Amino acid sequence: MARLRLSSGRARWVLLASLLLVAAVVAVTVPLPTPLELRDRVAALGAWAPVTFLLVHTVVTTTPVPRTAFSLSAGLLFGPWLGLALCLVASVVSAAAAFAVSRRLGGRAVQRLGPGRVRMLEERLSARGLLAVVSARFVPFIPFAPLNYTFGVTSVRWRHYLVGTAVGLVPGTAAVVLFGDAVTGSLSPGMLAVFAVSGALGVIGVWLCARTPADPA
């Protein structure tokens, strides 16, 4: 048995080394398009490219898959402004779908957890409404999909959730899209301004949310 395990382990290492070697040979011998050439090829596809990107982004990000790859790709393939618009629309639609599912089925989860365990979360999120949603979205290390489902089991109103999500996603999304666009060698001053203003608003929102006491009602 020990020999078999060792042999199997060696075989996996050999396979991994072979794949890396093939990838290196392909990278050296096959001419890859530059970022600008790749953007031109996507533009040649017409409206199908952004529509396909929008649909895939929306569906995939309802799962715990991070949005970062889509934001980088959007900046690279579509430029800063269209890339940001596509990411925001897809993210808001994805967040709304997750929120609706969680609100529909989340009552069972709350019953299993018990009201005592979710009381603090409910007070913190629901009492502040729009400010709580915006502030939570501004925090970069909170995963996107789990936060969507978490808001669904609270009593946060739909309009607060959608508006807060749309506003709160701007700073982080703009930063990543801007980075993806910078790979092509261009840098939009307008996008820099959007990122700076939205980032400043995000800091203010987080500070206000931390300072505002929860409503005892």
Protein backbone atom coordinates (compact mmCIF):
# COMPACT_ATOMS: atom_id res chain seq x y z
CA MET A 1 0.00 0.00 0.00
CA ALA A 2 2.85 2.39 0.82
CA ARG A 3 4.43 1.81 -2.59
CA LEU A 4 1.13 2.45 -4.30
CA ARG A 5 0.62 5.71 -2.45
CA LEU A 6 4.16 6.82 -3.24
CA SER A 7 3.74 5.89 -6.88
CA SER A 8 0.44 7.73 -7.07
CA GLY A 9 1.98 10.79 -5.44
CA ARG A 10 4.89 10.78 -7.89
CA ALA A 11 2.49 10.43 -10.79
CA ARG A 12 0.61 13.53 -9.69
CA TRP A 13 3.82 15.53 -9.43
CA VAL A 14 4.91 14.35 -12.89
CA LEU A 15 1.52 15.31 -14.32
CA LEU A 16 1.68 18.75 -12.70
CA ALA A 17 5.21 19.33 -13.99
CA SER A 18 4.15 18.26 -17.49
CA LEU A 19 1.20 20.68 -17.49
CA LEU A 20 3.41 23.54 -16.32
CA LEU A 21 5.94 22.72 -19.04
CA VAL A 22 3.24 22.67 -21.72
CA ALA A 23 1.85 25.98 -20.45
CA ALA A 24 5.32 27.54 -20.54
CA VAL A 25 5.94 26.30 -24.10
CA VAL A 26 2.58 27.65 -25.27
CA ALA A 27 3.22 31.00 -23.61
CA VAL A 28 6.58 31.32 -25.36
CA THR A 29 5.66 30.02 -28.82
CA VAL A 30 2.04 31.13 -29.30
CA PRO A 31 1.63 34.88 -29.90
CA LEU A 32 -0.84 36.28 -27.37
CA PRO A 33 -2.82 39.44 -28.10
CA THR A 34 -1.88 42.61 -26.27
CA PRO A 35 -4.48 44.16 -23.94
CA LEU A 36 -5.43 46.74 -26.57
CA GLU A 37 -5.75 44.06 -29.26
CA LEU A 38 -7.92 42.01 -26.92
CA ARG A 39 -10.17 45.00 -26.30
CA ASP A 40 -10.46 45.61 -30.06
CA ARG A 41 -11.47 41.98 -30.62
CA VAL A 42 -14.16 42.23 -27.96
CA ALA A 43 -15.43 45.49 -29.47
CA ALA A 44 -15.68 43.75 -32.84
CA LEU A 45 -18.22 41.34 -31.36
CA GLY A 46 -20.70 44.19 -30.98
CA ALA A 47 -23.46 44.16 -28.39
CA TRP A 48 -23.10 40.43 -27.76
CA ALA A 49 -19.93 40.93 -25.73
CA PRO A 50 -21.32 43.24 -23.00
CA VAL A 51 -24.65 41.37 -22.87
CA THR A 52 -22.89 38.02 -22.41
CA PHE A 53 -20.58 39.50 -19.79
CA LEU A 54 -23.55 40.99 -17.94
CA LEU A 55 -25.44 37.69 -17.85
CA VAL A 56 -22.45 35.59 -16.77
CA HIS A 57 -21.45 38.11 -14.12
CA THR A 58 -24.98 38.21 -12.71
CA VAL A 59 -25.41 34.45 -12.49
CA VAL A 60 -21.97 33.55 -11.18
CA THR A 61 -21.84 36.17 -8.43
CA THR A 62 -25.01 34.84 -6.80
CA THR A 63 -22.60 32.17 -5.55
CA PRO A 64 -19.59 32.84 -3.27
CA VAL A 65 -17.35 33.41 -6.31
CA PRO A 66 -15.55 36.78 -5.81
CA ARG A 67 -16.46 39.67 -8.08
CA THR A 68 -12.84 40.82 -8.45
CA ALA A 69 -12.13 38.77 -11.56
CA PHE A 70 -15.18 40.21 -13.32
CA SER A 71 -14.27 43.78 -12.36
CA LEU A 72 -10.71 43.37 -13.64
CA SER A 73 -11.96 41.80 -16.86
CA ALA A 74 -14.51 44.56 -17.37
CA GLY A 75 -11.86 47.27 -17.12
CA LEU A 76 -9.59 45.39 -19.48
CA LEU A 77 -12.20 44.44 -22.08
CA PHE A 78 -14.64 47.35 -22.06
CA GLY A 79 -12.78 50.33 -20.66
CA PRO A 80 -13.45 52.23 -17.43
CA TRP A 81 -16.91 53.69 -17.97
CA LEU A 82 -18.69 50.83 -19.72
CA GLY A 83 -16.85 48.34 -17.53
CA LEU A 84 -17.99 50.07 -14.35
CA ALA A 85 -21.58 50.31 -15.60
CA LEU A 86 -21.69 46.61 -16.49
CA CYS A 87 -20.25 45.56 -13.14
CA LEU A 88 -22.61 47.74 -11.13
CA VAL A 89 -25.72 46.60 -13.00
CA ALA A 90 -24.74 42.93 -12.79
CA SER A 91 -23.84 43.22 -9.11
CA VAL A 92 -27.08 44.96 -8.14
CA VAL A 93 -29.19 42.40 -10.03
CA SER A 94 -27.22 39.55 -8.46
CA ALA A 95 -27.57 41.10 -5.00
CA ALA A 96 -31.31 41.55 -5.50
CA ALA A 97 -31.73 37.92 -6.55
CA ALA A 98 -29.82 36.64 -3.52
CA PHE A 99 -31.75 39.00 -1.23
CA ALA A 100 -35.08 37.77 -2.61
CA VAL A 101 -34.14 34.10 -2.16
CA SER A 102 -32.89 34.70 1.35
CA ARG A 103 -35.97 36.69 2.33
CA ARG A 104 -38.20 33.99 0.93
CA LEU A 105 -36.46 31.09 2.65
CA GLY A 106 -34.51 32.78 5.42
CA GLY A 107 -37.21 32.52 8.06
CA ARG A 108 -36.29 28.89 8.57
CA ALA A 109 -32.65 29.81 9.11
CA VAL A 110 -33.58 32.42 11.71
CA GLN A 111 -35.72 29.87 13.54
CA ARG A 112 -32.82 27.42 13.63
CA LEU A 113 -30.34 30.01 14.86
CA GLY A 114 -32.71 31.37 17.48
CA PRO A 115 -33.76 34.98 17.94
CA GLY A 116 -31.07 35.66 20.54
CA ARG A 117 -28.23 34.98 18.11
CA VAL A 118 -29.53 37.25 15.38
CA ARG A 119 -30.94 40.01 17.58
CA MET A 120 -27.79 42.12 17.58
CA LEU A 121 -27.35 41.72 13.83
CA GLU A 122 -30.98 42.65 13.27
CA GLU A 123 -30.69 45.76 15.44
CA ARG A 124 -27.49 46.93 13.83
CA LEU A 125 -28.63 46.46 10.25
CA SER A 126 -32.35 47.14 10.29
CA ALA A 127 -32.37 50.15 12.62
CA ARG A 128 -30.05 52.11 10.37
CA GLY A 129 -31.53 51.00 7.06
CA LEU A 130 -29.88 52.70 4.11
CA LEU A 131 -26.82 53.83 6.05
CA ALA A 132 -26.16 50.30 7.28
CA VAL A 133 -26.33 48.85 3.77
CA VAL A 134 -24.07 51.52 2.28
CA SER A 135 -21.54 51.21 5.08
CA ALA A 136 -21.46 47.41 4.87
CA ARG A 137 -20.83 47.59 1.14
CA PHE A 138 -17.94 49.99 1.65
CA VAL A 139 -16.05 47.46 3.79
CA PRO A 140 -13.84 45.66 1.25
CA PHE A 141 -13.19 42.41 3.13
CA ILE A 142 -16.88 41.46 3.60
CA PRO A 143 -17.72 38.81 0.97
CA PHE A 144 -20.32 39.96 -1.53
CA ALA A 145 -22.66 36.96 -1.77
CA PRO A 146 -22.80 36.07 1.95
CA LEU A 147 -23.64 39.69 2.75
CA ASN A 148 -26.53 39.59 0.26
CA TYR A 149 -28.04 36.55 1.93
CA THR A 150 -27.43 38.00 5.38
CA PHE A 151 -29.39 41.14 4.60
CA GLY A 152 -32.22 38.95 3.32
CA VAL A 153 -32.92 37.51 6.77
CA THR A 154 -33.18 40.97 8.34
CA SER A 155 -36.04 43.45 8.04
CA VAL A 156 -34.04 45.92 5.92
CA ARG A 157 -36.39 47.41 3.36
CA TRP A 158 -36.06 46.64 -0.31
CA ARG A 159 -35.47 50.23 -1.40
CA HIS A 160 -32.81 50.77 1.26
CA TYR A 161 -31.09 47.57 0.26
CA LEU A 162 -31.05 48.29 -3.49
CA VAL A 163 -30.03 51.94 -3.21
CA GLY A 164 -27.45 51.18 -0.54
CA THR A 165 -26.01 48.37 -2.62
CA ALA A 166 -25.77 50.49 -5.77
CA VAL A 167 -24.06 53.35 -3.93
CA GLY A 168 -21.87 51.24 -1.69
CA LEU A 169 -20.40 49.14 -4.49
CA VAL A 170 -19.09 52.13 -6.44
CA PRO A 171 -15.74 52.74 -4.66
CA GLY A 172 -14.41 49.19 -4.61
CA THR A 173 -15.73 48.32 -8.06
CA ALA A 174 -14.34 51.53 -9.57
CA ALA A 175 -10.92 50.83 -8.08
CA VAL A 176 -10.70 47.31 -9.54
CA VAL A 177 -12.14 48.32 -12.93
CA LEU A 178 -9.68 51.21 -13.05
CA PHE A 179 -6.82 48.80 -12.36
CA GLY A 180 -8.00 46.52 -15.16
CA ASP A 181 -8.18 49.47 -17.55
CA ALA A 182 -4.67 50.58 -16.54
CA VAL A 183 -3.30 47.31 -17.93
CA THR A 184 -3.95 48.71 -21.42
CA GLY A 185 -1.71 51.67 -20.68
CA SER A 186 -4.53 54.21 -20.30
CA LEU A 187 -5.80 55.91 -17.18
CA SER A 188 -9.04 57.86 -17.03
CA PRO A 189 -8.91 61.07 -14.93
CA GLY A 190 -12.69 60.94 -14.64
CA MET A 191 -12.55 57.49 -13.11
CA LEU A 192 -9.92 58.65 -10.66
CA ALA A 193 -12.24 61.45 -9.57
CA VAL A 194 -15.17 59.04 -9.17
CA PHE A 195 -13.04 56.72 -7.08
CA ALA A 196 -11.75 59.53 -4.85
CA VAL A 197 -15.19 61.05 -4.20
CA SER A 198 -16.95 57.74 -3.59
CA GLY A 199 -14.13 56.58 -1.34
CA ALA A 200 -14.42 59.71 0.77
CA LEU A 201 -18.18 59.23 1.04
CA GLY A 202 -17.57 55.64 2.07
CA VAL A 203 -15.34 56.66 4.95
CA ILE A 204 -17.97 59.17 6.10
CA GLY A 205 -20.73 56.56 5.84
CA VAL A 206 -18.82 54.01 7.90
CA TRP A 207 -18.04 56.65 10.55
CA LEU A 208 -21.67 57.76 10.77
CA CYS A 209 -22.92 54.19 11.01
CA ALA A 210 -20.49 53.48 13.84
CA ARG A 211 -21.51 56.65 15.70
CA THR A 212 -25.28 56.34 15.29
CA PRO A 213 -26.93 54.38 18.12
CA ALA A 214 -29.44 51.68 17.25
CA ASP A 215 -33.11 52.54 17.59
CA PRO A 216 -34.47 50.77 20.71
CA ALA A 217 -37.81 50.34 18.94
